[in-house]
N, C-alpha and C. Protein backbone atom coordinates (compact mmCIF):
# COMPACT_ATOMS: atom_id res chain seq x y z
N MET A 1 -75.14 219.36 -73.48
CA MET A 1 -74.39 219.87 -74.61
C MET A 1 -74.22 218.74 -75.62
N SER A 2 -74.55 218.98 -76.86
CA SER A 2 -74.40 217.95 -77.88
C SER A 2 -73.08 218.15 -78.62
N ALA A 3 -72.51 217.04 -79.05
CA ALA A 3 -71.26 217.09 -79.79
C ALA A 3 -71.52 217.64 -81.18
N ARG A 4 -70.53 218.33 -81.72
CA ARG A 4 -70.68 218.83 -83.09
C ARG A 4 -70.61 217.66 -84.05
N PRO A 5 -71.26 217.77 -85.18
CA PRO A 5 -71.21 216.65 -86.14
C PRO A 5 -69.82 216.50 -86.74
N ILE A 6 -69.43 215.27 -86.96
CA ILE A 6 -68.16 214.98 -87.63
C ILE A 6 -68.45 214.91 -89.12
N LEU A 7 -67.79 215.74 -89.88
CA LEU A 7 -67.99 215.78 -91.33
C LEU A 7 -67.13 214.72 -92.01
N PRO A 8 -67.58 214.21 -93.15
CA PRO A 8 -66.78 213.19 -93.84
C PRO A 8 -65.53 213.78 -94.48
N TRP A 9 -64.45 213.04 -94.39
CA TRP A 9 -63.20 213.43 -95.02
C TRP A 9 -63.23 212.97 -96.47
N ARG A 10 -62.55 213.70 -97.33
CA ARG A 10 -62.50 213.37 -98.75
C ARG A 10 -61.15 212.76 -99.08
N ARG A 11 -61.19 211.67 -99.83
CA ARG A 11 -59.97 211.00 -100.28
C ARG A 11 -59.53 211.70 -101.56
N LEU A 12 -58.32 212.30 -101.54
CA LEU A 12 -57.83 213.05 -102.70
C LEU A 12 -57.05 212.16 -103.66
N SER A 13 -56.21 211.29 -103.10
CA SER A 13 -55.41 210.40 -103.96
C SER A 13 -54.95 209.20 -103.15
N GLU A 14 -54.56 208.17 -103.87
CA GLU A 14 -54.04 206.95 -103.25
C GLU A 14 -52.73 206.58 -103.91
N GLY A 15 -51.77 206.22 -103.10
CA GLY A 15 -50.52 205.72 -103.64
C GLY A 15 -50.63 204.23 -103.91
N PRO A 16 -49.62 203.66 -104.52
CA PRO A 16 -49.65 202.22 -104.78
C PRO A 16 -49.57 201.44 -103.47
N ALA A 17 -50.15 200.25 -103.47
CA ALA A 17 -50.11 199.40 -102.28
C ALA A 17 -48.83 198.56 -102.31
N THR A 18 -48.18 198.48 -101.16
CA THR A 18 -47.06 197.56 -101.00
C THR A 18 -47.62 196.30 -100.39
N ASP A 19 -47.45 195.17 -101.09
CA ASP A 19 -48.06 193.90 -100.69
C ASP A 19 -47.07 193.08 -99.87
N TYR A 20 -47.45 192.78 -98.63
CA TYR A 20 -46.63 191.97 -97.73
C TYR A 20 -47.26 190.59 -97.50
N HIS A 21 -48.06 190.11 -98.41
CA HIS A 21 -48.74 188.82 -98.40
C HIS A 21 -49.89 188.78 -97.39
N VAL A 22 -49.65 189.08 -96.12
CA VAL A 22 -50.71 189.04 -95.12
C VAL A 22 -51.44 190.38 -95.01
N LEU A 23 -50.87 191.43 -95.59
CA LEU A 23 -51.50 192.74 -95.60
C LEU A 23 -50.86 193.60 -96.66
N LYS A 24 -51.55 194.69 -97.01
CA LYS A 24 -51.02 195.68 -97.93
C LYS A 24 -51.00 197.02 -97.21
N VAL A 25 -49.99 197.83 -97.51
CA VAL A 25 -49.88 199.16 -96.92
C VAL A 25 -49.96 200.18 -98.05
N ARG A 26 -50.77 201.22 -97.84
CA ARG A 26 -50.99 202.22 -98.88
C ARG A 26 -51.05 203.60 -98.22
N GLU A 27 -50.45 204.59 -98.86
CA GLU A 27 -50.61 205.97 -98.40
C GLU A 27 -51.74 206.62 -99.17
N VAL A 28 -52.58 207.36 -98.47
CA VAL A 28 -53.65 208.13 -99.10
C VAL A 28 -53.50 209.59 -98.66
N LYS A 29 -53.94 210.48 -99.53
CA LYS A 29 -53.99 211.89 -99.16
C LYS A 29 -55.47 212.24 -98.98
N VAL A 30 -55.77 212.91 -97.88
CA VAL A 30 -57.15 213.26 -97.55
C VAL A 30 -57.26 214.76 -97.31
N ALA A 31 -58.49 215.27 -97.46
CA ALA A 31 -58.76 216.68 -97.21
C ALA A 31 -59.59 216.82 -95.95
N ASP A 32 -59.14 217.68 -95.05
CA ASP A 32 -59.88 217.98 -93.82
C ASP A 32 -61.16 218.71 -94.22
N PRO A 33 -62.34 218.19 -93.81
CA PRO A 33 -63.60 218.81 -94.23
C PRO A 33 -63.84 220.19 -93.62
N ARG A 34 -63.09 220.54 -92.59
CA ARG A 34 -63.30 221.83 -91.94
C ARG A 34 -62.62 222.98 -92.69
N ASP A 35 -61.41 222.68 -93.25
CA ASP A 35 -60.69 223.78 -93.90
C ASP A 35 -59.99 223.37 -95.21
N GLY A 36 -60.16 222.11 -95.62
CA GLY A 36 -59.58 221.66 -96.89
C GLY A 36 -58.11 221.31 -96.83
N THR A 37 -57.49 221.42 -95.67
CA THR A 37 -56.07 221.11 -95.54
C THR A 37 -55.81 219.65 -95.92
N GLU A 38 -54.74 219.43 -96.70
CA GLU A 38 -54.37 218.07 -97.11
C GLU A 38 -53.51 217.41 -96.04
N HIS A 39 -53.76 216.11 -95.82
CA HIS A 39 -53.00 215.33 -94.85
C HIS A 39 -52.69 213.96 -95.44
N PRO A 40 -51.45 213.48 -95.31
CA PRO A 40 -51.17 212.09 -95.71
C PRO A 40 -51.58 211.13 -94.60
N ARG A 41 -52.10 209.98 -94.97
CA ARG A 41 -52.47 208.94 -94.01
C ARG A 41 -52.00 207.60 -94.55
N VAL A 42 -51.72 206.69 -93.66
CA VAL A 42 -51.33 205.33 -94.04
C VAL A 42 -52.48 204.40 -93.70
N LEU A 43 -52.84 203.55 -94.66
CA LEU A 43 -53.89 202.56 -94.44
C LEU A 43 -53.30 201.17 -94.59
N ILE A 44 -53.73 200.27 -93.74
CA ILE A 44 -53.35 198.87 -93.82
C ILE A 44 -54.56 198.10 -94.32
N GLU A 45 -54.40 197.44 -95.45
CA GLU A 45 -55.49 196.64 -96.02
C GLU A 45 -55.24 195.18 -95.65
N ALA A 46 -56.16 194.60 -94.91
CA ALA A 46 -56.00 193.23 -94.44
C ALA A 46 -57.35 192.52 -94.52
N PRO A 47 -57.31 191.20 -94.70
CA PRO A 47 -58.58 190.46 -94.65
C PRO A 47 -59.11 190.46 -93.22
N ASP A 48 -60.36 190.05 -93.07
CA ASP A 48 -60.90 189.89 -91.73
C ASP A 48 -60.11 188.80 -91.01
N TRP A 49 -60.07 188.91 -89.69
CA TRP A 49 -59.38 187.94 -88.86
C TRP A 49 -60.40 187.23 -87.98
N VAL A 50 -60.02 186.07 -87.48
CA VAL A 50 -60.86 185.31 -86.56
C VAL A 50 -60.03 184.86 -85.36
N ASN A 51 -60.70 184.75 -84.23
CA ASN A 51 -60.15 184.14 -83.02
C ASN A 51 -61.20 183.18 -82.49
N ILE A 52 -60.73 182.10 -81.89
CA ILE A 52 -61.67 181.11 -81.38
C ILE A 52 -61.20 180.59 -80.04
N ILE A 53 -62.11 180.58 -79.06
CA ILE A 53 -61.81 180.07 -77.72
C ILE A 53 -62.25 178.61 -77.71
N PRO A 54 -61.32 177.66 -77.82
CA PRO A 54 -61.69 176.24 -77.87
C PRO A 54 -61.75 175.62 -76.48
N VAL A 55 -62.85 174.98 -76.18
CA VAL A 55 -63.03 174.32 -74.89
C VAL A 55 -63.32 172.84 -75.15
N THR A 56 -62.54 171.97 -74.53
CA THR A 56 -62.74 170.52 -74.72
C THR A 56 -63.95 170.05 -73.93
N ARG A 57 -64.36 168.83 -74.20
CA ARG A 57 -65.48 168.24 -73.45
C ARG A 57 -65.16 168.13 -71.97
N GLU A 58 -63.86 168.09 -71.63
CA GLU A 58 -63.44 168.00 -70.23
C GLU A 58 -63.30 169.37 -69.58
N GLY A 59 -63.61 170.44 -70.30
CA GLY A 59 -63.54 171.78 -69.74
C GLY A 59 -62.18 172.44 -69.81
N LYS A 60 -61.27 171.90 -70.59
CA LYS A 60 -59.95 172.51 -70.76
C LYS A 60 -60.00 173.48 -71.94
N VAL A 61 -59.27 174.57 -71.83
CA VAL A 61 -59.15 175.52 -72.93
C VAL A 61 -57.88 175.18 -73.70
N VAL A 62 -58.01 175.11 -75.02
CA VAL A 62 -56.88 174.79 -75.89
C VAL A 62 -56.21 176.11 -76.28
N LEU A 63 -55.02 176.34 -75.74
CA LEU A 63 -54.26 177.55 -76.04
C LEU A 63 -53.07 177.19 -76.94
N ILE A 64 -52.53 178.21 -77.58
CA ILE A 64 -51.33 178.00 -78.38
C ILE A 64 -50.26 178.98 -77.93
N ARG A 65 -49.04 178.53 -78.06
CA ARG A 65 -47.87 179.36 -77.77
C ARG A 65 -47.09 179.46 -79.08
N GLN A 66 -46.76 180.69 -79.46
CA GLN A 66 -45.99 180.86 -80.69
C GLN A 66 -45.14 182.12 -80.63
N PHE A 67 -44.13 182.16 -81.49
CA PHE A 67 -43.25 183.33 -81.56
C PHE A 67 -43.93 184.41 -82.38
N ARG A 68 -43.93 185.64 -81.85
CA ARG A 68 -44.52 186.78 -82.54
C ARG A 68 -43.43 187.81 -82.80
N PHE A 69 -43.25 188.16 -84.06
CA PHE A 69 -42.15 189.02 -84.46
C PHE A 69 -42.31 190.45 -83.99
N GLY A 70 -43.54 190.93 -83.84
CA GLY A 70 -43.76 192.30 -83.38
C GLY A 70 -43.18 192.56 -82.00
N VAL A 71 -43.33 191.60 -81.10
CA VAL A 71 -42.80 191.73 -79.74
C VAL A 71 -41.49 190.95 -79.57
N TRP A 72 -41.10 190.25 -80.62
CA TRP A 72 -39.89 189.43 -80.66
C TRP A 72 -39.81 188.51 -79.44
N ASP A 73 -40.93 187.83 -79.22
CA ASP A 73 -41.03 186.93 -78.08
C ASP A 73 -42.19 185.97 -78.35
N GLU A 74 -42.29 184.95 -77.53
CA GLU A 74 -43.43 184.04 -77.65
C GLU A 74 -44.62 184.60 -76.90
N THR A 75 -45.80 184.25 -77.37
CA THR A 75 -47.04 184.69 -76.72
C THR A 75 -47.93 183.48 -76.49
N LEU A 76 -48.80 183.60 -75.50
CA LEU A 76 -49.81 182.59 -75.21
C LEU A 76 -51.13 183.15 -75.70
N GLU A 77 -51.82 182.40 -76.58
CA GLU A 77 -53.00 182.92 -77.26
C GLU A 77 -54.03 181.83 -77.45
N ILE A 78 -55.14 182.22 -78.06
CA ILE A 78 -56.11 181.27 -78.58
C ILE A 78 -55.84 181.15 -80.08
N PRO A 79 -56.27 180.07 -80.72
CA PRO A 79 -56.07 179.93 -82.16
C PRO A 79 -56.80 181.04 -82.92
N GLY A 80 -56.25 181.37 -84.06
CA GLY A 80 -56.87 182.38 -84.90
C GLY A 80 -56.09 182.58 -86.18
N GLY A 81 -56.61 183.44 -87.02
CA GLY A 81 -55.93 183.72 -88.28
C GLY A 81 -56.80 184.52 -89.21
N MET A 82 -56.46 184.46 -90.49
CA MET A 82 -57.16 185.24 -91.51
C MET A 82 -58.29 184.44 -92.14
N THR A 83 -59.33 185.16 -92.53
CA THR A 83 -60.37 184.52 -93.32
C THR A 83 -59.87 184.41 -94.76
N GLU A 84 -60.27 183.36 -95.42
CA GLU A 84 -59.95 183.19 -96.83
C GLU A 84 -61.04 183.88 -97.65
N PRO A 85 -60.71 184.33 -98.88
CA PRO A 85 -61.73 184.99 -99.70
C PRO A 85 -62.98 184.11 -99.85
N GLY A 86 -64.14 184.69 -99.57
CA GLY A 86 -65.41 183.99 -99.69
C GLY A 86 -65.73 183.04 -98.55
N GLU A 87 -64.87 182.95 -97.57
CA GLU A 87 -65.06 182.02 -96.45
C GLU A 87 -65.79 182.75 -95.31
N ALA A 88 -66.83 182.15 -94.78
CA ALA A 88 -67.55 182.72 -93.64
C ALA A 88 -66.63 182.71 -92.42
N PRO A 89 -66.70 183.74 -91.57
CA PRO A 89 -65.82 183.79 -90.41
C PRO A 89 -65.87 182.55 -89.52
N GLU A 90 -67.07 181.98 -89.28
CA GLU A 90 -67.15 180.80 -88.41
C GLU A 90 -66.45 179.59 -89.03
N VAL A 91 -66.46 179.51 -90.36
CA VAL A 91 -65.74 178.44 -91.06
C VAL A 91 -64.24 178.66 -90.93
N SER A 92 -63.81 179.92 -91.08
CA SER A 92 -62.39 180.25 -90.91
C SER A 92 -61.91 179.89 -89.51
N ALA A 93 -62.74 180.20 -88.51
CA ALA A 93 -62.36 179.94 -87.12
C ALA A 93 -62.18 178.45 -86.87
N ALA A 94 -63.12 177.64 -87.34
CA ALA A 94 -63.01 176.19 -87.16
C ALA A 94 -61.81 175.64 -87.92
N ARG A 95 -61.55 176.17 -89.11
CA ARG A 95 -60.40 175.73 -89.91
C ARG A 95 -59.09 176.07 -89.19
N GLU A 96 -58.99 177.30 -88.71
CA GLU A 96 -57.77 177.72 -88.00
C GLU A 96 -57.56 176.88 -86.74
N LEU A 97 -58.64 176.59 -86.02
CA LEU A 97 -58.54 175.76 -84.82
C LEU A 97 -57.93 174.41 -85.15
N GLU A 98 -58.45 173.76 -86.16
CA GLU A 98 -57.94 172.43 -86.51
C GLU A 98 -56.52 172.49 -87.06
N GLU A 99 -56.23 173.49 -87.90
CA GLU A 99 -54.87 173.62 -88.45
C GLU A 99 -53.84 173.84 -87.35
N GLU A 100 -54.15 174.72 -86.40
CA GLU A 100 -53.16 175.11 -85.39
C GLU A 100 -53.08 174.16 -84.21
N THR A 101 -54.15 173.39 -83.95
CA THR A 101 -54.15 172.57 -82.73
C THR A 101 -54.45 171.09 -82.96
N GLY A 102 -55.07 170.75 -84.07
CA GLY A 102 -55.53 169.37 -84.29
C GLY A 102 -56.87 169.08 -83.64
N TYR A 103 -57.51 170.10 -83.06
CA TYR A 103 -58.83 169.95 -82.42
C TYR A 103 -59.93 170.41 -83.37
N ARG A 104 -61.07 169.72 -83.29
CA ARG A 104 -62.25 170.07 -84.08
C ARG A 104 -63.38 170.39 -83.10
N PRO A 105 -64.13 171.47 -83.37
CA PRO A 105 -65.22 171.84 -82.46
C PRO A 105 -66.47 171.01 -82.69
N GLY A 106 -67.21 170.74 -81.61
CA GLY A 106 -68.53 170.15 -81.74
C GLY A 106 -69.54 171.20 -82.13
N ARG A 107 -69.33 172.43 -81.65
CA ARG A 107 -70.25 173.53 -81.93
C ARG A 107 -69.46 174.83 -81.88
N VAL A 108 -69.75 175.73 -82.81
CA VAL A 108 -69.11 177.05 -82.85
C VAL A 108 -70.18 178.11 -82.60
N VAL A 109 -69.90 178.99 -81.63
CA VAL A 109 -70.84 180.04 -81.23
C VAL A 109 -70.20 181.40 -81.50
N ALA A 110 -70.90 182.25 -82.26
CA ALA A 110 -70.40 183.60 -82.52
C ALA A 110 -70.50 184.43 -81.24
N LEU A 111 -69.41 185.15 -80.92
CA LEU A 111 -69.39 185.99 -79.72
C LEU A 111 -69.48 187.47 -80.05
N GLY A 112 -68.93 187.89 -81.17
CA GLY A 112 -68.94 189.30 -81.54
C GLY A 112 -67.78 189.62 -82.46
N SER A 113 -67.74 190.88 -82.89
CA SER A 113 -66.63 191.32 -83.74
C SER A 113 -66.24 192.74 -83.37
N CYS A 114 -65.03 193.10 -83.76
CA CYS A 114 -64.53 194.45 -83.49
C CYS A 114 -63.60 194.88 -84.63
N HIS A 115 -63.33 196.17 -84.69
CA HIS A 115 -62.31 196.68 -85.60
C HIS A 115 -60.98 196.67 -84.83
N PRO A 116 -59.97 195.92 -85.31
CA PRO A 116 -58.72 195.83 -84.56
C PRO A 116 -58.01 197.17 -84.38
N ASN A 117 -58.04 198.02 -85.39
CA ASN A 117 -57.41 199.33 -85.28
C ASN A 117 -58.01 200.26 -86.34
N PRO A 118 -59.17 200.87 -86.07
CA PRO A 118 -59.86 201.66 -87.08
C PRO A 118 -59.11 202.90 -87.54
N ALA A 119 -58.06 203.29 -86.82
CA ALA A 119 -57.25 204.42 -87.27
C ALA A 119 -56.50 204.08 -88.56
N LEU A 120 -56.20 202.79 -88.74
CA LEU A 120 -55.38 202.38 -89.88
C LEU A 120 -56.00 201.28 -90.74
N GLN A 121 -57.00 200.58 -90.22
CA GLN A 121 -57.51 199.38 -90.88
C GLN A 121 -59.03 199.40 -90.95
N ALA A 122 -59.57 198.73 -92.01
CA ALA A 122 -61.02 198.61 -92.15
C ALA A 122 -61.51 197.21 -91.84
N ASN A 123 -60.61 196.27 -91.62
CA ASN A 123 -61.03 194.88 -91.40
C ASN A 123 -61.63 194.69 -90.01
N ARG A 124 -62.21 193.52 -89.81
CA ARG A 124 -62.82 193.16 -88.52
C ARG A 124 -62.15 191.90 -87.98
N THR A 125 -62.19 191.76 -86.68
CA THR A 125 -61.81 190.51 -86.03
C THR A 125 -63.08 189.91 -85.43
N TRP A 126 -63.36 188.69 -85.82
CA TRP A 126 -64.54 187.95 -85.36
C TRP A 126 -64.11 186.99 -84.26
N SER A 127 -64.83 186.96 -83.17
CA SER A 127 -64.51 186.07 -82.05
C SER A 127 -65.58 184.99 -81.91
N PHE A 128 -65.12 183.78 -81.62
CA PHE A 128 -66.01 182.63 -81.50
C PHE A 128 -65.64 181.80 -80.28
N LEU A 129 -66.61 181.05 -79.79
CA LEU A 129 -66.42 180.04 -78.77
C LEU A 129 -66.61 178.70 -79.45
N ALA A 130 -65.68 177.78 -79.24
CA ALA A 130 -65.80 176.42 -79.77
C ALA A 130 -66.02 175.49 -78.59
N GLU A 131 -67.17 174.83 -78.58
CA GLU A 131 -67.52 173.93 -77.48
C GLU A 131 -67.33 172.48 -77.91
N ASP A 132 -67.13 171.62 -76.93
CA ASP A 132 -67.01 170.17 -77.16
C ASP A 132 -65.91 169.84 -78.17
N CYS A 133 -64.77 170.48 -78.02
CA CYS A 133 -63.66 170.23 -78.94
C CYS A 133 -63.03 168.87 -78.67
N VAL A 134 -62.71 168.16 -79.73
CA VAL A 134 -62.03 166.87 -79.61
C VAL A 134 -60.81 166.88 -80.54
N ARG A 135 -59.79 166.21 -80.08
CA ARG A 135 -58.58 166.11 -80.91
C ARG A 135 -58.82 165.07 -81.99
N VAL A 136 -58.61 165.50 -83.25
CA VAL A 136 -58.85 164.61 -84.38
C VAL A 136 -57.57 164.31 -85.15
N GLY A 137 -56.48 164.94 -84.76
CA GLY A 137 -55.22 164.71 -85.46
C GLY A 137 -54.15 165.63 -84.92
N LEU A 138 -53.06 165.65 -85.64
CA LEU A 138 -51.95 166.53 -85.28
C LEU A 138 -52.17 167.91 -85.88
N PRO A 139 -51.62 168.94 -85.24
CA PRO A 139 -51.69 170.27 -85.85
C PRO A 139 -50.95 170.27 -87.19
N HIS A 140 -51.37 171.10 -88.10
CA HIS A 140 -50.65 171.31 -89.36
C HIS A 140 -50.66 172.81 -89.68
N PRO A 141 -49.85 173.56 -88.90
CA PRO A 141 -49.81 175.01 -89.08
C PRO A 141 -49.16 175.40 -90.41
N ASP A 142 -49.32 176.66 -90.77
CA ASP A 142 -48.69 177.19 -91.97
C ASP A 142 -47.17 177.05 -91.86
N ALA A 143 -46.49 177.12 -92.99
CA ALA A 143 -45.04 176.93 -93.04
C ALA A 143 -44.28 177.89 -92.13
N ALA A 144 -44.75 179.10 -91.98
CA ALA A 144 -44.03 180.10 -91.18
C ALA A 144 -44.48 180.14 -89.73
N GLU A 145 -45.28 179.17 -89.31
CA GLU A 145 -45.77 179.13 -87.92
C GLU A 145 -45.11 177.98 -87.17
N ASP A 146 -44.69 178.26 -85.96
CA ASP A 146 -44.17 177.24 -85.05
C ASP A 146 -45.02 177.34 -83.79
N ILE A 147 -45.94 176.39 -83.63
CA ILE A 147 -46.97 176.48 -82.60
C ILE A 147 -46.89 175.30 -81.64
N ALA A 148 -46.96 175.60 -80.34
CA ALA A 148 -47.07 174.57 -79.31
C ALA A 148 -48.47 174.67 -78.69
N VAL A 149 -49.13 173.54 -78.54
CA VAL A 149 -50.49 173.49 -77.99
C VAL A 149 -50.41 173.25 -76.49
N GLU A 150 -51.21 173.99 -75.73
CA GLU A 150 -51.28 173.84 -74.28
C GLU A 150 -52.73 173.75 -73.84
N LEU A 151 -53.04 172.81 -72.96
CA LEU A 151 -54.38 172.70 -72.37
C LEU A 151 -54.34 173.32 -70.99
N VAL A 152 -55.31 174.18 -70.72
CA VAL A 152 -55.35 174.92 -69.46
C VAL A 152 -56.75 174.80 -68.87
N ASP A 153 -56.84 174.62 -67.55
CA ASP A 153 -58.14 174.64 -66.90
C ASP A 153 -58.79 176.00 -67.14
N ARG A 154 -60.07 175.99 -67.48
CA ARG A 154 -60.78 177.21 -67.83
C ARG A 154 -60.74 178.26 -66.72
N ASP A 155 -60.79 177.81 -65.47
CA ASP A 155 -60.79 178.76 -64.36
C ASP A 155 -59.43 179.44 -64.15
N ARG A 156 -58.40 179.00 -64.87
CA ARG A 156 -57.08 179.64 -64.78
C ARG A 156 -56.95 180.86 -65.69
N LEU A 157 -57.87 181.03 -66.67
CA LEU A 157 -57.74 182.11 -67.65
C LEU A 157 -57.66 183.51 -67.01
N PRO A 158 -58.55 183.85 -66.06
CA PRO A 158 -58.43 185.20 -65.48
C PRO A 158 -57.07 185.45 -64.85
N GLY A 159 -56.51 184.47 -64.18
CA GLY A 159 -55.19 184.63 -63.58
C GLY A 159 -54.10 184.81 -64.63
N LEU A 160 -54.20 184.07 -65.73
CA LEU A 160 -53.21 184.22 -66.81
C LEU A 160 -53.26 185.62 -67.40
N VAL A 161 -54.46 186.19 -67.49
CA VAL A 161 -54.59 187.56 -67.99
C VAL A 161 -54.02 188.54 -66.97
N ARG A 162 -54.42 188.40 -65.70
CA ARG A 162 -53.93 189.31 -64.65
C ARG A 162 -52.41 189.27 -64.50
N GLU A 163 -51.84 188.07 -64.64
CA GLU A 163 -50.39 187.90 -64.48
C GLU A 163 -49.60 188.40 -65.69
N GLY A 164 -50.30 188.72 -66.78
CA GLY A 164 -49.60 189.16 -67.99
C GLY A 164 -49.10 188.02 -68.84
N ALA A 165 -49.57 186.80 -68.60
CA ALA A 165 -49.17 185.67 -69.43
C ALA A 165 -49.90 185.69 -70.77
N ILE A 166 -51.09 186.29 -70.81
CA ILE A 166 -51.84 186.49 -72.05
C ILE A 166 -51.96 187.99 -72.25
N THR A 167 -51.34 188.50 -73.33
CA THR A 167 -51.29 189.95 -73.55
C THR A 167 -51.82 190.39 -74.91
N HIS A 168 -52.12 189.45 -75.78
CA HIS A 168 -52.59 189.80 -77.13
C HIS A 168 -53.95 190.47 -77.02
N SER A 169 -54.06 191.71 -77.49
CA SER A 169 -55.29 192.48 -77.29
C SER A 169 -56.51 191.83 -77.93
N LEU A 170 -56.37 191.22 -79.09
CA LEU A 170 -57.54 190.62 -79.74
C LEU A 170 -57.96 189.33 -79.05
N VAL A 171 -57.05 188.67 -78.38
CA VAL A 171 -57.40 187.51 -77.55
C VAL A 171 -58.17 188.00 -76.32
N LEU A 172 -57.72 189.10 -75.74
CA LEU A 172 -58.42 189.66 -74.59
C LEU A 172 -59.83 190.11 -74.98
N VAL A 173 -59.99 190.65 -76.18
CA VAL A 173 -61.32 191.03 -76.67
C VAL A 173 -62.21 189.79 -76.78
N ALA A 174 -61.67 188.68 -77.27
CA ALA A 174 -62.47 187.45 -77.37
C ALA A 174 -62.95 187.01 -75.99
N PHE A 175 -62.06 187.07 -74.99
CA PHE A 175 -62.46 186.72 -73.63
C PHE A 175 -63.53 187.68 -73.10
N LEU A 176 -63.41 188.96 -73.42
CA LEU A 176 -64.42 189.94 -73.02
C LEU A 176 -65.76 189.62 -73.67
N PHE A 177 -65.76 189.34 -74.98
CA PHE A 177 -67.00 188.96 -75.66
C PHE A 177 -67.63 187.73 -75.02
N GLU A 178 -66.80 186.75 -74.68
CA GLU A 178 -67.34 185.53 -74.05
C GLU A 178 -67.99 185.90 -72.72
N ARG A 179 -67.34 186.72 -71.94
CA ARG A 179 -67.87 187.14 -70.64
C ARG A 179 -69.20 187.88 -70.80
N LEU A 180 -69.23 188.82 -71.75
CA LEU A 180 -70.45 189.59 -71.97
C LEU A 180 -71.60 188.70 -72.45
N ASN A 181 -71.29 187.71 -73.28
CA ASN A 181 -72.33 186.79 -73.75
C ASN A 181 -72.83 185.89 -72.64
N SER A 182 -71.97 185.54 -71.68
CA SER A 182 -72.40 184.67 -70.58
C SER A 182 -73.27 185.41 -69.57
N GLU A 183 -73.21 186.73 -69.58
CA GLU A 183 -73.99 187.53 -68.64
C GLU A 183 -75.41 187.84 -69.15
N ARG A 184 -75.73 187.42 -70.35
CA ARG A 184 -77.06 187.70 -70.92
C ARG A 184 -78.13 186.92 -70.22
């Protein structure tokens, strides 16, 4: 049995965007292609994001711990952030790594990309592996970031995920991409 084709939805109107600096929120009205019924939808406009798994020459993974307002708690993650206009994702990833941790990669390897939430967003999250990372200075995070750097043995990562110490979905996607790339 084949699935029926999904028809394209029509955008009827767009409301003004509310700008929150890191993203914009806009309501759009759309028409259902099956019967023309109008539906309001909310879209989040955000730049592409990057995540990078930094591994030192000694085989340690450079993780960051920071407070996240959505869960109102600290999280353990890999470095990441937004791409700047006109900036290639791999450049953004290396920049974010150095800003948040003070480490610079010897080599950056693309792992893959995904849509973080296609129900509401059109942006992508790009995942990278940074090999041969060396500390070149102190972290210099953005003004609204309070980040602590932690070095973890690479073989501890699966346990940290299983134990719930690492819960950020886009970080978990980066680890999945790394795993899939290593199985090639």
